[in-house]
N, C-alpha and C. Protein backbone atom coordinates (compact mmCIF):
# COMPACT_ATOMS: atom_id res chain seq x y z
N MET A 1 13.35 10.30 17.13
CA MET A 1 12.21 10.26 16.23
C MET A 1 12.50 9.24 15.14
N PRO A 2 11.55 8.33 14.85
CA PRO A 2 11.76 7.34 13.80
C PRO A 2 11.90 8.02 12.43
N LYS A 3 12.77 7.45 11.62
CA LYS A 3 13.00 8.01 10.29
C LYS A 3 13.37 6.88 9.35
N SER A 4 12.82 6.93 8.15
CA SER A 4 13.15 5.95 7.13
C SER A 4 14.59 6.17 6.68
N PHE A 5 15.34 5.10 6.58
CA PHE A 5 16.73 5.25 6.13
C PHE A 5 16.83 5.45 4.62
N ALA A 6 15.78 5.12 3.89
CA ALA A 6 15.84 5.21 2.44
C ALA A 6 14.90 6.27 1.87
N ASP A 7 14.46 7.20 2.70
CA ASP A 7 13.46 8.16 2.24
C ASP A 7 13.92 8.95 1.03
N ARG A 8 15.15 9.43 1.03
CA ARG A 8 15.64 10.21 -0.10
C ARG A 8 15.75 9.34 -1.36
N LEU A 9 16.17 8.09 -1.20
CA LEU A 9 16.27 7.18 -2.36
C LEU A 9 14.89 6.89 -2.95
N ILE A 10 13.92 6.70 -2.09
CA ILE A 10 12.56 6.42 -2.56
C ILE A 10 12.00 7.63 -3.30
N LEU A 11 12.19 8.81 -2.74
CA LEU A 11 11.71 10.02 -3.41
C LEU A 11 12.40 10.23 -4.75
N GLU A 12 13.71 9.94 -4.81
CA GLU A 12 14.43 10.06 -6.07
C GLU A 12 13.88 9.07 -7.10
N ASP A 13 13.62 7.83 -6.69
CA ASP A 13 13.04 6.83 -7.58
C ASP A 13 11.67 7.28 -8.10
N LEU A 14 10.87 7.86 -7.23
CA LEU A 14 9.56 8.36 -7.67
C LEU A 14 9.72 9.44 -8.73
N ARG A 15 10.63 10.37 -8.49
CA ARG A 15 10.86 11.44 -9.47
C ARG A 15 11.37 10.88 -10.80
N LEU A 16 12.36 10.02 -10.76
CA LEU A 16 12.98 9.48 -11.98
C LEU A 16 12.02 8.62 -12.79
N SER A 17 11.08 7.97 -12.13
CA SER A 17 10.15 7.09 -12.83
C SER A 17 8.83 7.78 -13.17
N ASN A 18 8.75 9.08 -12.86
CA ASN A 18 7.49 9.81 -13.03
C ASN A 18 6.37 9.15 -12.22
N GLY A 19 6.75 8.58 -11.09
CA GLY A 19 5.79 7.91 -10.21
C GLY A 19 5.10 8.89 -9.30
N LEU A 20 4.33 8.35 -8.39
CA LEU A 20 3.63 9.19 -7.43
C LEU A 20 3.50 8.44 -6.11
N ALA A 21 3.22 9.18 -5.10
CA ALA A 21 2.96 8.62 -3.78
C ALA A 21 1.58 9.09 -3.34
N ILE A 22 0.94 8.29 -2.54
CA ILE A 22 -0.39 8.64 -2.05
C ILE A 22 -0.44 8.34 -0.55
N ALA A 23 -1.06 9.22 0.20
CA ALA A 23 -1.21 9.01 1.64
C ALA A 23 -2.52 8.28 1.91
N VAL A 24 -2.51 7.39 2.89
CA VAL A 24 -3.72 6.70 3.32
C VAL A 24 -3.84 6.82 4.83
N SER A 25 -5.06 6.78 5.30
CA SER A 25 -5.32 6.92 6.74
C SER A 25 -5.24 5.56 7.43
N ASP A 26 -5.17 5.59 8.74
CA ASP A 26 -5.21 4.35 9.53
C ASP A 26 -6.52 3.60 9.26
N LYS A 27 -7.61 4.35 9.12
CA LYS A 27 -8.90 3.73 8.84
C LYS A 27 -8.88 3.01 7.49
N GLN A 28 -8.31 3.65 6.48
CA GLN A 28 -8.22 3.03 5.16
C GLN A 28 -7.35 1.76 5.21
N MET A 29 -6.27 1.81 5.98
CA MET A 29 -5.42 0.63 6.11
C MET A 29 -6.17 -0.52 6.78
N ALA A 30 -6.93 -0.21 7.82
CA ALA A 30 -7.71 -1.24 8.51
C ALA A 30 -8.76 -1.84 7.58
N GLN A 31 -9.40 -1.00 6.77
CA GLN A 31 -10.40 -1.50 5.82
C GLN A 31 -9.74 -2.40 4.77
N ALA A 32 -8.56 -2.00 4.30
CA ALA A 32 -7.84 -2.81 3.31
C ALA A 32 -7.37 -4.12 3.94
N GLN A 33 -7.00 -4.08 5.21
CA GLN A 33 -6.60 -5.30 5.93
C GLN A 33 -7.76 -6.29 5.95
N ARG A 34 -8.95 -5.79 6.27
CA ARG A 34 -10.14 -6.65 6.28
C ARG A 34 -10.46 -7.19 4.89
N LEU A 35 -10.34 -6.33 3.88
CA LEU A 35 -10.62 -6.75 2.50
C LEU A 35 -9.65 -7.85 2.06
N LEU A 36 -8.38 -7.71 2.38
CA LEU A 36 -7.40 -8.75 2.05
C LEU A 36 -7.71 -10.06 2.78
N ALA A 37 -8.15 -9.96 4.02
CA ALA A 37 -8.47 -11.16 4.80
C ALA A 37 -9.68 -11.88 4.21
N VAL A 38 -10.70 -11.13 3.87
CA VAL A 38 -11.95 -11.72 3.36
C VAL A 38 -11.79 -12.26 1.94
N THR A 39 -11.12 -11.50 1.08
CA THR A 39 -11.06 -11.89 -0.34
C THR A 39 -9.88 -12.79 -0.67
N GLU A 40 -8.78 -12.66 0.07
CA GLU A 40 -7.56 -13.41 -0.27
C GLU A 40 -7.09 -14.34 0.84
N GLY A 41 -7.68 -14.25 2.02
CA GLY A 41 -7.23 -15.09 3.13
C GLY A 41 -5.87 -14.67 3.68
N VAL A 42 -5.52 -13.40 3.48
CA VAL A 42 -4.22 -12.88 3.92
C VAL A 42 -4.44 -11.94 5.11
N PHE A 43 -3.77 -12.23 6.22
CA PHE A 43 -3.80 -11.33 7.38
C PHE A 43 -2.57 -10.44 7.28
N ALA A 44 -2.71 -9.38 6.50
CA ALA A 44 -1.60 -8.48 6.21
C ALA A 44 -1.29 -7.57 7.39
N CYS A 45 -0.03 -7.17 7.47
CA CYS A 45 0.34 -6.14 8.44
C CYS A 45 -0.25 -4.81 7.93
N PRO A 46 -0.42 -3.82 8.79
CA PRO A 46 -1.01 -2.56 8.34
C PRO A 46 -0.24 -1.91 7.19
N GLU A 47 1.09 -1.95 7.24
CA GLU A 47 1.86 -1.33 6.16
C GLU A 47 1.72 -2.12 4.85
N GLY A 48 1.49 -3.41 4.94
CA GLY A 48 1.19 -4.20 3.75
C GLY A 48 -0.18 -3.86 3.19
N ALA A 49 -1.15 -3.70 4.07
CA ALA A 49 -2.50 -3.33 3.65
C ALA A 49 -2.53 -1.91 3.08
N ALA A 50 -1.58 -1.08 3.48
CA ALA A 50 -1.51 0.29 2.95
C ALA A 50 -1.31 0.28 1.44
N THR A 51 -0.66 -0.75 0.92
CA THR A 51 -0.46 -0.82 -0.53
C THR A 51 -1.80 -0.96 -1.25
N LEU A 52 -2.69 -1.78 -0.71
CA LEU A 52 -4.03 -1.93 -1.29
C LEU A 52 -4.85 -0.66 -1.05
N ALA A 53 -4.74 -0.10 0.14
CA ALA A 53 -5.47 1.13 0.46
C ALA A 53 -5.08 2.26 -0.48
N GLY A 54 -3.83 2.29 -0.92
CA GLY A 54 -3.39 3.31 -1.87
C GLY A 54 -3.77 2.98 -3.30
N LEU A 55 -3.81 1.69 -3.63
CA LEU A 55 -4.14 1.28 -5.00
C LEU A 55 -5.59 1.59 -5.35
N LEU A 56 -6.50 1.36 -4.44
CA LEU A 56 -7.93 1.51 -4.75
C LEU A 56 -8.29 2.91 -5.24
N PRO A 57 -7.85 3.99 -4.57
CA PRO A 57 -8.18 5.31 -5.12
C PRO A 57 -7.46 5.60 -6.44
N LEU A 58 -6.29 5.00 -6.65
CA LEU A 58 -5.59 5.21 -7.92
C LEU A 58 -6.36 4.58 -9.07
N ILE A 59 -7.00 3.45 -8.82
CA ILE A 59 -7.86 2.83 -9.82
C ILE A 59 -9.08 3.72 -10.06
N ASP A 60 -9.69 4.19 -8.96
CA ASP A 60 -10.87 5.06 -9.08
C ASP A 60 -10.57 6.33 -9.88
N ARG A 61 -9.36 6.87 -9.71
CA ARG A 61 -8.97 8.13 -10.38
C ARG A 61 -8.42 7.91 -11.79
N GLY A 62 -8.30 6.65 -12.20
CA GLY A 62 -7.81 6.36 -13.54
C GLY A 62 -6.30 6.33 -13.70
N TRP A 63 -5.55 6.44 -12.60
CA TRP A 63 -4.09 6.37 -12.67
C TRP A 63 -3.64 4.95 -12.99
N VAL A 64 -4.40 3.99 -12.50
CA VAL A 64 -4.13 2.57 -12.76
C VAL A 64 -5.38 2.01 -13.43
N GLN A 65 -5.18 1.37 -14.55
CA GLN A 65 -6.31 0.80 -15.29
C GLN A 65 -6.66 -0.58 -14.74
N PRO A 66 -7.94 -0.94 -14.76
CA PRO A 66 -8.37 -2.22 -14.20
C PRO A 66 -7.69 -3.44 -14.84
N ASP A 67 -7.25 -3.32 -16.08
CA ASP A 67 -6.61 -4.47 -16.73
C ASP A 67 -5.10 -4.51 -16.53
N GLU A 68 -4.53 -3.54 -15.82
CA GLU A 68 -3.09 -3.54 -15.57
C GLU A 68 -2.75 -4.53 -14.46
N ARG A 69 -1.58 -5.13 -14.57
CA ARG A 69 -1.10 -6.06 -13.54
C ARG A 69 -0.30 -5.27 -12.52
N VAL A 70 -0.64 -5.43 -11.25
CA VAL A 70 0.00 -4.69 -10.16
C VAL A 70 0.43 -5.68 -9.10
N VAL A 71 1.63 -5.47 -8.55
CA VAL A 71 2.13 -6.32 -7.47
C VAL A 71 2.11 -5.49 -6.18
N LEU A 72 1.46 -6.03 -5.16
CA LEU A 72 1.43 -5.39 -3.84
C LEU A 72 2.29 -6.22 -2.91
N PHE A 73 3.22 -5.58 -2.22
CA PHE A 73 4.11 -6.29 -1.29
C PHE A 73 3.59 -6.17 0.13
N ASN A 74 3.39 -7.32 0.76
CA ASN A 74 3.04 -7.38 2.18
C ASN A 74 4.28 -7.91 2.90
N THR A 75 4.88 -7.07 3.72
CA THR A 75 6.16 -7.40 4.31
C THR A 75 6.07 -8.02 5.71
N GLY A 76 4.87 -8.25 6.19
CA GLY A 76 4.74 -8.82 7.53
C GLY A 76 3.35 -9.32 7.79
N SER A 77 3.20 -9.94 8.93
CA SER A 77 1.92 -10.51 9.32
C SER A 77 1.18 -9.58 10.26
N GLY A 78 -0.15 -9.61 10.12
CA GLY A 78 -0.98 -8.84 11.05
C GLY A 78 -0.93 -9.39 12.46
N LEU A 79 -0.43 -10.62 12.62
CA LEU A 79 -0.38 -11.25 13.94
C LEU A 79 0.48 -10.45 14.92
N LYS A 80 1.53 -9.80 14.43
CA LYS A 80 2.41 -9.08 15.34
C LYS A 80 1.76 -7.81 15.90
N TYR A 81 0.59 -7.46 15.39
CA TYR A 81 -0.11 -6.25 15.84
C TYR A 81 -1.29 -6.56 16.75
N LEU A 82 -1.52 -7.83 17.03
CA LEU A 82 -2.65 -8.18 17.90
C LEU A 82 -2.39 -7.81 19.33
């Protein structure tokens, strides 16, 4: 079974920084992938698009303010998923 090698470290970082994690669906990732392609010209991998898919509801819920600067990491190309 696949398992993240850094899962415990990531969870510890979230706790120590008073951060949070949010789950997104495959559909939300696909929508974010399209949004990145249309607005930024980036063909993100699904896991890269998941960062945007998670950010949007955090903005809607007020966890992230519209004037805050946020960095989203896209670690791969959508081409490998075609």
